[in-house]
Amino acid sequence: MNKSLMGVILFFVAIIGIGLLGYLLWFIPGYNKAISLDEGVKSAWAQVENQLQRRNDLIPNLVNTVKGYAAQEKEIFTEVTRLRSQWGKAQSVGEKIENAGAMSNVLSRLLVVSENYPQLKSNENFLALQSQLEGTENRISVERRRYNKSVEEFNRFQRKFFGRFFARKAGVDKPAEYFKATEAAQQVPQVEF
């Protein structure tokens, strides 16, 4: 083989090698970012679930305390029990978000009912549970905000020019679902004096 043919072959091999190296230097960070953002969404959702589970663990104690004073409010107690069992059966993020919103609404109703019972409002167990529930609701709010921020970042990446390509290659090409307020939470409550 003559020297000029060997030089041309080496030149093309070098060009292909540089092109391949350039592709890898471009592809790997984009692929890793898609995976990282997806994991961020999953991690943030796990924290939301953690706080929702904490709330669901507090509910039986709260319900039992209120039941002792307000046994005639059976409809609310039945609804709380039904929603707690639905939480365990919920499979998708959307189902859990819907259940969490419904549970927030029914807990609000339960706490409003407690206003009708002065003995209950002064009960130490009830006050402690109400305080724990309030703290948990605040934690849920913080974790929802973090989750929605992760979803926003992930979905924004997917909508960018090469982001969709990387998300497809990583197998995470479905947009994440936001944790939105339920329709009932968006309605203005009626206050009557």
Protein backbone atom coordinates (compact mmCIF):
# COMPACT_ATOMS: atom_id res chain seq x y z
CA MET A 1 0.00 0.00 0.00
CA ASN A 2 1.38 3.38 -0.85
CA LYS A 3 1.83 6.15 1.68
CA SER A 4 -0.81 8.50 0.27
CA LEU A 5 -3.56 5.81 0.35
CA MET A 6 -2.56 4.93 3.92
CA GLY A 7 -2.72 8.64 4.85
CA VAL A 8 -6.22 8.99 3.35
CA ILE A 9 -7.43 5.90 5.24
CA LEU A 10 -5.96 7.20 8.52
CA PHE A 11 -7.54 10.59 7.87
CA PHE A 12 -11.01 9.04 7.42
CA VAL A 13 -10.53 6.79 10.47
CA ALA A 14 -9.54 9.86 12.50
CA ILE A 15 -12.57 11.80 11.20
CA ILE A 16 -14.89 8.89 12.08
CA GLY A 17 -13.24 8.53 15.51
CA ILE A 18 -13.57 12.26 16.23
CA GLY A 19 -17.19 12.19 15.03
CA LEU A 20 -17.97 9.19 17.24
CA LEU A 21 -16.24 10.79 20.21
CA GLY A 22 -18.16 14.04 19.58
CA TYR A 23 -21.44 12.12 19.39
CA LEU A 24 -20.72 10.33 22.67
CA LEU A 25 -19.74 13.58 24.37
CA TRP A 26 -23.05 15.05 23.21
CA PHE A 27 -25.26 11.98 23.76
CA ILE A 28 -24.17 10.77 27.20
CA PRO A 29 -24.85 14.02 29.13
CA GLY A 30 -28.27 14.43 27.47
CA TYR A 31 -29.21 10.82 28.18
CA ASN A 32 -28.03 11.12 31.79
CA LYS A 33 -29.99 14.36 32.24
CA ALA A 34 -33.20 12.66 31.06
CA ILE A 35 -32.64 9.84 33.56
CA SER A 36 -31.75 12.27 36.37
CA LEU A 37 -34.86 14.40 35.81
CA ASP A 38 -37.08 11.31 35.72
CA GLU A 39 -35.56 10.07 38.96
CA GLY A 40 -36.04 13.53 40.48
CA VAL A 41 -39.76 13.34 39.70
CA LYS A 42 -39.99 9.84 41.18
CA SER A 43 -38.10 10.89 44.30
CA ALA A 44 -40.27 13.98 44.79
CA TRP A 45 -43.41 11.87 44.35
CA ALA A 46 -42.13 9.39 46.95
CA GLN A 47 -41.88 12.26 49.43
CA VAL A 48 -45.44 13.36 48.65
CA GLU A 49 -46.63 9.78 49.19
CA ASN A 50 -44.68 9.61 52.43
CA GLN A 51 -46.53 12.63 53.82
CA LEU A 52 -49.89 11.45 52.49
CA GLN A 53 -49.30 8.12 54.21
CA ARG A 54 -48.47 9.95 57.44
CA ARG A 55 -51.79 11.78 57.13
CA ASN A 56 -53.63 8.52 56.47
CA ASP A 57 -52.02 7.02 59.57
CA LEU A 58 -53.23 9.94 61.72
CA ILE A 59 -56.79 9.82 60.43
CA PRO A 60 -58.07 6.76 62.38
CA ASN A 61 -57.03 8.37 65.68
CA LEU A 62 -58.67 11.64 64.73
CA VAL A 63 -61.85 9.90 63.57
CA ASN A 64 -62.08 7.81 66.74
CA THR A 65 -61.64 10.91 68.90
CA VAL A 66 -64.33 12.82 67.00
CA LYS A 67 -66.63 9.76 66.93
CA GLY A 68 -66.80 9.80 70.70
CA TYR A 69 -68.31 13.26 70.60
CA ALA A 70 -70.12 13.35 67.26
CA ALA A 71 -71.48 9.88 66.61
CA GLN A 72 -74.33 11.30 64.51
CA GLU A 73 -71.86 12.47 61.82
CA LYS A 74 -71.74 8.93 60.38
CA GLU A 75 -71.63 10.07 56.72
CA ILE A 76 -68.26 11.79 57.18
CA PHE A 77 -66.77 8.81 59.04
CA THR A 78 -67.94 6.45 56.28
CA GLU A 79 -66.42 8.71 53.63
CA VAL A 80 -63.08 8.88 55.47
CA THR A 81 -62.98 5.08 55.74
CA ARG A 82 -63.85 4.66 52.07
CA LEU A 83 -61.16 7.09 50.94
CA ARG A 84 -58.51 5.49 53.14
CA SER A 85 -59.21 2.11 51.55
CA GLN A 86 -59.14 3.68 48.06
CA TRP A 87 -55.71 5.15 48.82
CA GLY A 88 -54.35 1.64 49.33
CA LYS A 89 -55.89 0.46 46.06
CA ALA A 90 -54.76 3.44 43.95
CA GLN A 91 -52.22 2.33 41.34
CA SER A 92 -51.27 5.40 39.34
CA VAL A 93 -50.03 8.81 40.38
CA GLY A 94 -53.25 10.30 38.97
CA GLU A 95 -55.45 8.04 41.11
CA LYS A 96 -53.43 8.88 44.22
CA ILE A 97 -53.60 12.61 43.48
CA GLU A 98 -57.38 12.37 43.05
CA ASN A 99 -57.72 10.42 46.29
CA ALA A 100 -55.51 12.88 48.19
CA GLY A 101 -57.68 15.78 47.05
CA ALA A 102 -60.87 14.00 48.08
CA MET A 103 -59.31 13.14 51.46
CA SER A 104 -58.35 16.80 52.01
CA ASN A 105 -61.96 17.83 51.35
CA VAL A 106 -63.44 15.27 53.72
CA LEU A 107 -60.91 16.14 56.45
CA SER A 108 -61.91 19.78 56.13
CA ARG A 109 -65.54 18.75 56.62
CA LEU A 110 -64.55 16.64 59.64
CA LEU A 111 -62.75 19.57 61.24
CA VAL A 112 -65.70 21.87 60.53
CA VAL A 113 -67.99 19.36 62.24
CA SER A 114 -65.73 19.47 65.29
CA GLU A 115 -66.53 23.18 65.62
CA ASN A 116 -70.06 22.18 66.64
CA TYR A 117 -68.80 20.30 69.70
CA PRO A 118 -67.17 22.55 72.34
CA GLN A 119 -66.19 19.55 74.51
CA LEU A 120 -64.35 18.05 71.55
CA LYS A 121 -62.52 21.28 70.78
CA SER A 122 -61.14 21.29 74.34
CA ASN A 123 -60.14 17.60 74.33
CA GLU A 124 -56.34 17.27 74.59
CA ASN A 125 -56.17 14.23 72.30
CA PHE A 126 -58.20 16.01 69.65
CA LEU A 127 -56.09 19.15 69.89
CA ALA A 128 -52.86 17.14 69.62
CA LEU A 129 -54.17 15.18 66.62
CA GLN A 130 -55.44 18.34 64.99
CA SER A 131 -52.02 19.93 65.45
CA GLN A 132 -50.26 16.88 63.99
CA LEU A 133 -52.67 16.83 61.08
CA GLU A 134 -52.09 20.54 60.45
CA GLY A 135 -48.32 19.97 60.46
CA THR A 136 -48.73 17.06 58.08
CA GLU A 137 -50.89 19.14 55.73
CA ASN A 138 -48.13 21.76 55.68
CA ARG A 139 -45.55 19.07 54.88
CA ILE A 140 -47.79 17.76 52.11
CA SER A 141 -48.01 21.27 50.69
CA VAL A 142 -44.22 21.65 50.69
CA GLU A 143 -43.69 18.23 49.11
CA ARG A 144 -46.40 18.92 46.48
CA ARG A 145 -44.60 22.13 45.55
CA ARG A 146 -41.27 20.26 45.25
CA TYR A 147 -42.89 17.51 43.22
CA ASN A 148 -44.55 19.99 40.84
CA LYS A 149 -41.21 21.80 40.44
CA SER A 150 -39.55 18.49 39.48
CA VAL A 151 -42.39 17.74 37.06
CA GLU A 152 -42.04 21.19 35.51
CA GLU A 153 -38.29 20.76 35.02
CA PHE A 154 -38.71 17.26 33.55
CA ASN A 155 -41.57 18.23 31.22
CA ARG A 156 -39.73 21.36 30.08
CA PHE A 157 -36.66 19.26 29.21
CA GLN A 158 -38.85 16.87 27.22
CA ARG A 159 -40.34 19.70 25.18
CA LYS A 160 -36.94 21.07 24.16
CA PHE A 161 -35.51 20.25 20.75
CA PHE A 162 -33.13 17.46 21.74
CA GLY A 163 -34.74 16.76 25.12
CA ARG A 164 -37.47 14.65 23.53
CA PHE A 165 -34.81 12.64 21.68
CA PHE A 166 -32.89 11.94 24.89
CA ALA A 167 -36.07 11.13 26.83
CA ARG A 168 -37.10 8.60 24.17
CA LYS A 169 -33.66 7.00 24.17
CA ALA A 170 -33.78 6.75 27.97
CA GLY A 171 -37.31 5.29 27.89
CA VAL A 172 -38.80 8.15 29.92
CA ASP A 173 -40.70 9.99 27.20
CA LYS A 174 -44.10 10.35 28.89
CA PRO A 175 -44.73 13.74 30.50
CA ALA A 176 -45.07 13.61 34.28
CA GLU A 177 -48.41 14.51 35.84
CA TYR A 178 -48.76 17.62 38.00
CA PHE A 179 -50.35 17.41 41.45
CA LYS A 180 -53.22 19.85 40.90
CA ALA A 181 -55.91 21.00 43.25
CA THR A 182 -59.23 19.24 42.89
CA GLU A 183 -62.22 21.07 41.45
CA ALA A 184 -63.86 21.09 44.89
CA ALA A 185 -60.82 22.89 46.34
CA GLN A 186 -61.14 25.59 43.69
CA GLN A 187 -64.69 26.48 44.70
CA VAL A 188 -65.22 29.31 47.16
CA PRO A 189 -66.67 27.94 50.40
CA GLN A 190 -70.05 29.24 51.51
CA VAL A 191 -69.94 30.87 54.92
CA GLU A 192 -73.20 31.47 56.73
CA PHE A 193 -73.66 33.34 60.00
